[in-house]
Amino acid sequence: MAEKKYMSGGQLRQYLHISTRKMKYLMDHNYIPHENTGHATHKYRVLIEDAEIFKIRMDTEVGFLSELNGLFSNRTEWHPRPMFEATEENCEAFRLWLEVLWAELPEALPTQTAAELVGHNPQRIHELIREQTLHGIKIGSTQYCVKEEFICYMASPQKLSNPRTERYKELIREFKYIQRRERENEQRRCKRRMKRGEKID
């Protein structure tokens, strides 16, 4: 009689390219025929032919194991930490920073200039004007938008929560860097004042 050949639970996990959690779930809910050895380690063992059949089903059957989708996903993988925490305070600080950064620009921004500031296509600025998110005026062949409204829009929670263009992300990174430097400088000032025995408000 031919000798039966088995693989351990760990070997099965590597063979199927699944997590330990998922492998244990498949065993505990009898998705794969197996033996429970009762040992603390190498608890499960599976016939190699059963493992091969299961892998073929995984690779070829549409919808196979679809009921387990998302059950073993790493939470941080699907819900990454946002680039910017769009609180009311942070949005207002970003708006004020943009006002200073773009202070030398005209109050009526050409749509081409506005688009370049944040890495958008000019058509997107035209769409915002058509949607009446921004007010626009056309003089000759050039269309303009109101700088103050444009800044408020770019500092809105919906924009800051989901930055799309690389140029806009660079602005956010620059702002966060300046904020961090200001906090560090303030901490150093406080330490110096404490050393001098000054009262800190």
C-alpha atoms as a PDB file:
ATOM      1  CA  MET A   1       0.000   0.000   0.000  1.00  0.00           C
ATOM      2  CA  ALA A   2       1.365   3.351  -0.965  1.00  0.00           C
ATOM      3  CA  GLU A   3       2.336   5.568   1.966  1.00  0.00           C
ATOM      4  CA  LYS A   4       0.091   8.564   2.472  1.00  0.00           C
ATOM      5  CA  LYS A   5       1.909  11.876   2.262  1.00  0.00           C
ATOM      6  CA  TYR A   6       0.908  14.879   4.356  1.00  0.00           C
ATOM      7  CA  MET A   7       1.839  18.503   4.812  1.00  0.00           C
ATOM      8  CA  SER A   8       1.634  20.406   8.075  1.00  0.00           C
ATOM      9  CA  GLY A   9      -0.574  23.441   8.656  1.00  0.00           C
ATOM     10  CA  GLY A  10       2.423  25.721   8.249  1.00  0.00           C
ATOM     11  CA  GLN A  11       3.375  24.083   4.969  1.00  0.00           C
ATOM     12  CA  LEU A  12      -0.227  24.366   3.775  1.00  0.00           C
ATOM     13  CA  ARG A  13      -0.304  28.078   4.635  1.00  0.00           C
ATOM     14  CA  GLN A  14       2.796  28.682   2.528  1.00  0.00           C
ATOM     15  CA  TYR A  15       1.500  26.484  -0.293  1.00  0.00           C
ATOM     16  CA  LEU A  16      -1.800  28.400  -0.476  1.00  0.00           C
ATOM     17  CA  HIS A  17      -0.188  31.799   0.226  1.00  0.00           C
ATOM     18  CA  ILE A  18      -2.643  32.632   3.014  1.00  0.00           C
ATOM     19  CA  SER A  19      -2.336  34.017   6.535  1.00  0.00           C
ATOM     20  CA  THR A  20      -2.130  31.835   9.635  1.00  0.00           C
ATOM     21  CA  ARG A  21      -5.527  33.192  10.736  1.00  0.00           C
ATOM     22  CA  LYS A  22      -7.151  32.191   7.477  1.00  0.00           C
ATOM     23  CA  MET A  23      -5.513  28.771   7.483  1.00  0.00           C
ATOM     24  CA  LYS A  24      -6.788  28.106  11.011  1.00  0.00           C
ATOM     25  CA  TYR A  25     -10.288  29.270  10.039  1.00  0.00           C
ATOM     26  CA  LEU A  26     -10.349  26.946   7.030  1.00  0.00           C
ATOM     27  CA  MET A  27      -9.332  24.045   9.239  1.00  0.00           C
ATOM     28  CA  ASP A  28     -11.683  24.812  12.139  1.00  0.00           C
ATOM     29  CA  HIS A  29     -14.640  25.175   9.737  1.00  0.00           C
ATOM     30  CA  ASN A  30     -13.750  22.063   7.729  1.00  0.00           C
ATOM     31  CA  TYR A  31     -13.116  23.750   4.387  1.00  0.00           C
ATOM     32  CA  ILE A  32     -10.207  21.345   3.878  1.00  0.00           C
ATOM     33  CA  PRO A  33     -10.164  17.668   4.924  1.00  0.00           C
ATOM     34  CA  HIS A  34      -7.523  17.330   7.621  1.00  0.00           C
ATOM     35  CA  GLU A  35      -6.410  15.563  10.758  1.00  0.00           C
ATOM     36  CA  ASN A  36      -6.017  17.238  14.149  1.00  0.00           C
ATOM     37  CA  THR A  37      -2.955  15.748  15.807  1.00  0.00           C
ATOM     38  CA  GLY A  38      -3.802  17.289  19.180  1.00  0.00           C
ATOM     39  CA  HIS A  39      -0.256  18.625  19.501  1.00  0.00           C
ATOM     40  CA  ALA A  40       0.465  22.209  20.569  1.00  0.00           C
ATOM     41  CA  THR A  41       2.635  22.625  17.478  1.00  0.00           C
ATOM     42  CA  HIS A  42       1.999  21.084  14.053  1.00  0.00           C
ATOM     43  CA  LYS A  43      -1.616  20.723  15.156  1.00  0.00           C
ATOM     44  CA  TYR A  44      -3.008  20.061  11.684  1.00  0.00           C
ATOM     45  CA  ARG A  45      -1.936  17.820   8.874  1.00  0.00           C
ATOM     46  CA  VAL A  46      -3.481  17.584   5.419  1.00  0.00           C
ATOM     47  CA  LEU A  47      -3.114  15.067   2.643  1.00  0.00           C
ATOM     48  CA  ILE A  48      -1.037  16.585  -0.149  1.00  0.00           C
ATOM     49  CA  GLU A  49      -3.626  15.528  -2.735  1.00  0.00           C
ATOM     50  CA  ASP A  50      -6.375  17.302  -0.750  1.00  0.00           C
ATOM     51  CA  ALA A  51      -4.241  20.449  -0.566  1.00  0.00           C
ATOM     52  CA  GLU A  52      -3.640  20.315  -4.331  1.00  0.00           C
ATOM     53  CA  ILE A  53      -7.361  19.935  -5.057  1.00  0.00           C
ATOM     54  CA  PHE A  54      -8.161  22.864  -2.778  1.00  0.00           C
ATOM     55  CA  LYS A  55      -5.549  25.083  -4.465  1.00  0.00           C
ATOM     56  CA  ILE A  56      -6.903  24.231  -7.913  1.00  0.00           C
ATOM     57  CA  ARG A  57     -10.362  25.317  -6.753  1.00  0.00           C
ATOM     58  CA  MET A  58      -8.908  28.572  -5.355  1.00  0.00           C
ATOM     59  CA  ASP A  59      -7.166  29.302  -8.658  1.00  0.00           C
ATOM     60  CA  THR A  60      -9.930  28.302 -11.076  1.00  0.00           C
ATOM     61  CA  GLU A  61     -13.396  28.514  -9.480  1.00  0.00           C
ATOM     62  CA  VAL A  62     -15.021  31.934  -9.776  1.00  0.00           C
ATOM     63  CA  GLY A  63     -16.470  33.007  -6.435  1.00  0.00           C
ATOM     64  CA  PHE A  64     -14.765  30.238  -4.477  1.00  0.00           C
ATOM     65  CA  LEU A  65     -14.419  31.378  -0.833  1.00  0.00           C
ATOM     66  CA  SER A  66     -16.099  34.689  -1.734  1.00  0.00           C
ATOM     67  CA  GLU A  67     -18.000  34.525   1.558  1.00  0.00           C
ATOM     68  CA  LEU A  68     -14.673  35.087   3.338  1.00  0.00           C
ATOM     69  CA  ASN A  69     -13.743  38.267   1.408  1.00  0.00           C
ATOM     70  CA  GLY A  70     -12.484  40.965   3.780  1.00  0.00           C
ATOM     71  CA  LEU A  71     -12.733  38.669   6.814  1.00  0.00           C
ATOM     72  CA  PHE A  72      -8.967  38.408   7.230  1.00  0.00           C
ATOM     73  CA  SER A  73      -7.879  41.743   5.771  1.00  0.00           C
ATOM     74  CA  ASN A  74      -5.396  43.864   7.681  1.00  0.00           C
ATOM     75  CA  ARG A  75      -7.440  46.891   8.817  1.00  0.00           C
ATOM     76  CA  THR A  76      -4.634  49.371   8.249  1.00  0.00           C
ATOM     77  CA  GLU A  77      -4.224  48.064   4.712  1.00  0.00           C
ATOM     78  CA  TRP A  78      -7.789  48.958   3.794  1.00  0.00           C
ATOM     79  CA  HIS A  79      -8.081  52.080   5.913  1.00  0.00           C
ATOM     80  CA  PRO A  80      -4.729  53.847   5.676  1.00  0.00           C
ATOM     81  CA  ARG A  81      -4.049  56.814   7.888  1.00  0.00           C
ATOM     82  CA  PRO A  82      -5.036  59.978   6.013  1.00  0.00           C
ATOM     83  CA  MET A  83      -2.284  62.296   4.830  1.00  0.00           C
ATOM     84  CA  PHE A  84      -3.962  65.233   6.558  1.00  0.00           C
ATOM     85  CA  GLU A  85      -6.330  65.261   9.540  1.00  0.00           C
ATOM     86  CA  ALA A  86      -8.960  67.636   8.216  1.00  0.00           C
ATOM     87  CA  THR A  87     -10.210  69.062  11.488  1.00  0.00           C
ATOM     88  CA  GLU A  88     -11.790  72.518  11.531  1.00  0.00           C
ATOM     89  CA  GLU A  89      -8.683  73.925  13.213  1.00  0.00           C
ATOM     90  CA  ASN A  90      -6.273  72.343  10.718  1.00  0.00           C
ATOM     91  CA  CYS A  91      -8.323  73.439   7.711  1.00  0.00           C
ATOM     92  CA  GLU A  92      -8.404  77.026   8.972  1.00  0.00           C
ATOM     93  CA  ALA A  93      -4.655  76.980   9.593  1.00  0.00           C
ATOM     94  CA  PHE A  94      -4.052  75.642   6.078  1.00  0.00           C
ATOM     95  CA  ARG A  95      -6.322  78.337   4.609  1.00  0.00           C
ATOM     96  CA  LEU A  96      -4.409  81.108   6.391  1.00  0.00           C
ATOM     97  CA  TRP A  97      -1.113  79.607   5.232  1.00  0.00           C
ATOM     98  CA  LEU A  98      -2.296  79.550   1.603  1.00  0.00           C
ATOM     99  CA  GLU A  99      -3.341  83.191   1.916  1.00  0.00           C
ATOM    100  CA  VAL A 100       0.204  84.107   2.944  1.00  0.00           C
ATOM    101  CA  LEU A 101       1.800  81.791   0.381  1.00  0.00           C
ATOM    102  CA  TRP A 102      -0.230  83.239  -2.486  1.00  0.00           C
ATOM    103  CA  ALA A 103      -0.440  86.817  -1.193  1.00  0.00           C
ATOM    104  CA  GLU A 104       1.416  88.255  -4.195  1.00  0.00           C
ATOM    105  CA  LEU A 105      -0.983  86.693  -6.704  1.00  0.00           C
ATOM    106  CA  PRO A 106      -3.858  88.794  -8.120  1.00  0.00           C
ATOM    107  CA  GLU A 107      -7.285  88.598  -6.479  1.00  0.00           C
ATOM    108  CA  ALA A 108      -8.697  87.399  -9.798  1.00  0.00           C
ATOM    109  CA  LEU A 109      -6.735  84.277 -10.741  1.00  0.00           C
ATOM    110  CA  PRO A 110      -6.563  83.089 -14.342  1.00  0.00           C
ATOM    111  CA  THR A 111      -7.906  79.552 -14.355  1.00  0.00           C
ATOM    112  CA  GLN A 112      -4.646  78.336 -15.894  1.00  0.00           C
ATOM    113  CA  THR A 113      -2.705  79.799 -12.948  1.00  0.00           C
ATOM    114  CA  ALA A 114      -5.143  78.363 -10.403  1.00  0.00           C
ATOM    115  CA  ALA A 115      -4.834  74.925 -11.968  1.00  0.00           C
ATOM    116  CA  GLU A 116      -1.034  75.057 -11.943  1.00  0.00           C
ATOM    117  CA  LEU A 117      -0.959  76.027  -8.251  1.00  0.00           C
ATOM    118  CA  VAL A 118      -2.496  72.702  -7.207  1.00  0.00           C
ATOM    119  CA  GLY A 119      -1.622  70.458 -10.158  1.00  0.00           C
ATOM    120  CA  HIS A 120      -5.125  70.360 -11.660  1.00  0.00           C
ATOM    121  CA  ASN A 121      -6.110  70.396 -15.291  1.00  0.00           C
ATOM    122  CA  PRO A 122      -7.584  73.839 -16.178  1.00  0.00           C
ATOM    123  CA  GLN A 123     -10.758  72.035 -17.232  1.00  0.00           C
ATOM    124  CA  ARG A 124     -11.325  71.078 -13.606  1.00  0.00           C
ATOM    125  CA  ILE A 125     -11.328  74.760 -12.600  1.00  0.00           C
ATOM    126  CA  HIS A 126     -13.787  75.489 -15.416  1.00  0.00           C
ATOM    127  CA  GLU A 127     -16.020  72.683 -14.080  1.00  0.00           C
ATOM    128  CA  LEU A 128     -15.953  74.200 -10.580  1.00  0.00           C
ATOM    129  CA  ILE A 129     -17.047  77.512 -12.082  1.00  0.00           C
ATOM    130  CA  ARG A 130     -19.870  75.845 -14.055  1.00  0.00           C
ATOM    131  CA  GLU A 131     -20.963  74.045 -10.883  1.00  0.00           C
ATOM    132  CA  GLN A 132     -20.920  77.455  -9.120  1.00  0.00           C
ATOM    133  CA  THR A 133     -18.473  76.163  -6.531  1.00  0.00           C
ATOM    134  CA  LEU A 134     -16.299  79.083  -7.658  1.00  0.00           C
ATOM    135  CA  HIS A 135     -17.334  82.355  -9.224  1.00  0.00           C
ATOM    136  CA  GLY A 136     -15.748  83.094 -12.565  1.00  0.00           C
ATOM    137  CA  ILE A 137     -15.550  85.913 -15.041  1.00  0.00           C
ATOM    138  CA  LYS A 138     -14.294  85.850 -18.597  1.00  0.00           C
ATOM    139  CA  ILE A 139     -12.350  88.774 -20.038  1.00  0.00           C
ATOM    140  CA  GLY A 140     -11.432  88.312 -23.663  1.00  0.00           C
ATOM    141  CA  SER A 141     -10.215  84.741 -24.063  1.00  0.00           C
ATOM    142  CA  THR A 142      -9.125  84.377 -20.410  1.00  0.00           C
ATOM    143  CA  GLN A 143     -11.354  83.119 -17.634  1.00  0.00           C
ATOM    144  CA  TYR A 144     -10.692  84.094 -14.028  1.00  0.00           C
ATOM    145  CA  CYS A 145     -11.784  82.833 -10.616  1.00  0.00           C
ATOM    146  CA  VAL A 146     -11.818  84.614  -7.251  1.00  0.00           C
ATOM    147  CA  LYS A 147      -8.600  83.824  -5.356  1.00  0.00           C
ATOM    148  CA  GLU A 148     -10.278  83.973  -1.932  1.00  0.00           C
ATOM    149  CA  GLU A 149     -12.899  81.420  -2.974  1.00  0.00           C
ATOM    150  CA  PHE A 150     -10.257  79.222  -4.587  1.00  0.00           C
ATOM    151  CA  ILE A 151      -8.210  79.213  -1.371  1.00  0.00           C
ATOM    152  CA  CYS A 152     -11.279  78.361   0.732  1.00  0.00           C
ATOM    153  CA  TYR A 153     -12.117  75.496  -1.604  1.00  0.00           C
ATOM    154  CA  MET A 154      -8.568  74.103  -1.540  1.00  0.00           C
ATOM    155  CA  ALA A 155      -8.583  74.311   2.287  1.00  0.00           C
ATOM    156  CA  SER A 156     -11.973  72.591   2.630  1.00  0.00           C
ATOM    157  CA  PRO A 157     -12.258  69.302   4.561  1.00  0.00           C
ATOM    158  CA  GLN A 158     -13.401  67.376   1.484  1.00  0.00           C
ATOM    159  CA  LYS A 159     -10.316  68.415  -0.488  1.00  0.00           C
ATOM    160  CA  LEU A 160      -7.820  67.967   2.340  1.00  0.00           C
ATOM    161  CA  SER A 161      -9.239  64.568   3.278  1.00  0.00           C
ATOM    162  CA  ASN A 162      -8.586  63.166  -0.182  1.00  0.00           C
ATOM    163  CA  PRO A 163      -5.688  64.911  -1.956  1.00  0.00           C
ATOM    164  CA  ARG A 164      -5.312  63.682  -5.529  1.00  0.00           C
ATOM    165  CA  THR A 165      -2.587  65.561  -7.380  1.00  0.00           C
ATOM    166  CA  GLU A 166       1.090  65.405  -6.503  1.00  0.00           C
ATOM    167  CA  ARG A 167       1.378  69.205  -6.436  1.00  0.00           C
ATOM    168  CA  TYR A 168      -1.464  69.469  -3.912  1.00  0.00           C
ATOM    169  CA  LYS A 169       0.178  66.782  -1.781  1.00  0.00           C
ATOM    170  CA  GLU A 170       3.434  68.746  -1.892  1.00  0.00           C
ATOM    171  CA  LEU A 171       1.595  71.803  -0.533  1.00  0.00           C
ATOM    172  CA  ILE A 172       0.185  69.734   2.323  1.00  0.00           C
ATOM    173  CA  ARG A 173       3.596  68.255   3.120  1.00  0.00           C
ATOM    174  CA  GLU A 174       5.180  71.704   3.096  1.00  0.00           C
ATOM    175  CA  PHE A 175       2.477  73.035   5.425  1.00  0.00           C
ATOM    176  CA  LYS A 176       2.860  70.111   7.827  1.00  0.00           C
ATOM    177  CA  TYR A 177       6.638  70.547   7.853  1.00  0.00           C
ATOM    178  CA  ILE A 178       6.301  74.244   8.738  1.00  0.00           C
ATOM    179  CA  GLN A 179       3.766  73.407  11.441  1.00  0.00           C
ATOM    180  CA  ARG A 180       6.124  70.833  12.928  1.00  0.00           C
ATOM    181  CA  ARG A 181       9.038  73.279  12.874  1.00  0.00           C
ATOM    182  CA  GLU A 182       6.912  75.931  14.586  1.00  0.00           C
ATOM    183  CA  ARG A 183       5.933  73.477  17.320  1.00  0.00           C
ATOM    184  CA  GLU A 184       9.548  72.451  17.827  1.00  0.00           C
ATOM    185  CA  ASN A 185      10.659  76.098  17.991  1.00  0.00           C
ATOM    186  CA  GLU A 186       7.926  76.879  20.503  1.00  0.00           C
ATOM    187  CA  GLN A 187       8.997  73.936  22.653  1.00  0.00           C
ATOM    188  CA  ARG A 188      12.594  75.177  22.591  1.00  0.00           C
ATOM    189  CA  ARG A 189      11.470  78.685  23.534  1.00  0.00           C
ATOM    190  CA  CYS A 190       9.469  77.288  26.450  1.00  0.00           C
ATOM    191  CA  LYS A 191      12.452  75.274  27.673  1.00  0.00           C
ATOM    192  CA  ARG A 192      14.697  78.342  27.545  1.00  0.00           C
ATOM    193  CA  ARG A 193      12.148  80.386  29.461  1.00  0.00           C
ATOM    194  CA  MET A 194      11.817  77.639  32.068  1.00  0.00           C
ATOM    195  CA  LYS A 195      15.594  77.588  32.523  1.00  0.00           C
ATOM    196  CA  ARG A 196      15.535  81.327  33.090  1.00  0.00           C
ATOM    197  CA  GLY A 197      12.750  80.911  35.606  1.00  0.00           C
ATOM    198  CA  GLU A 198      10.218  82.837  33.552  1.00  0.00           C
ATOM    199  CA  LYS A 199       6.507  82.187  33.936  1.00  0.00           C
ATOM    200  CA  ILE A 200       4.921  80.340  31.011  1.00  0.00           C
ATOM    201  CA  ASP A 201       1.319  81.211  30.177  1.00  0.00           C
END
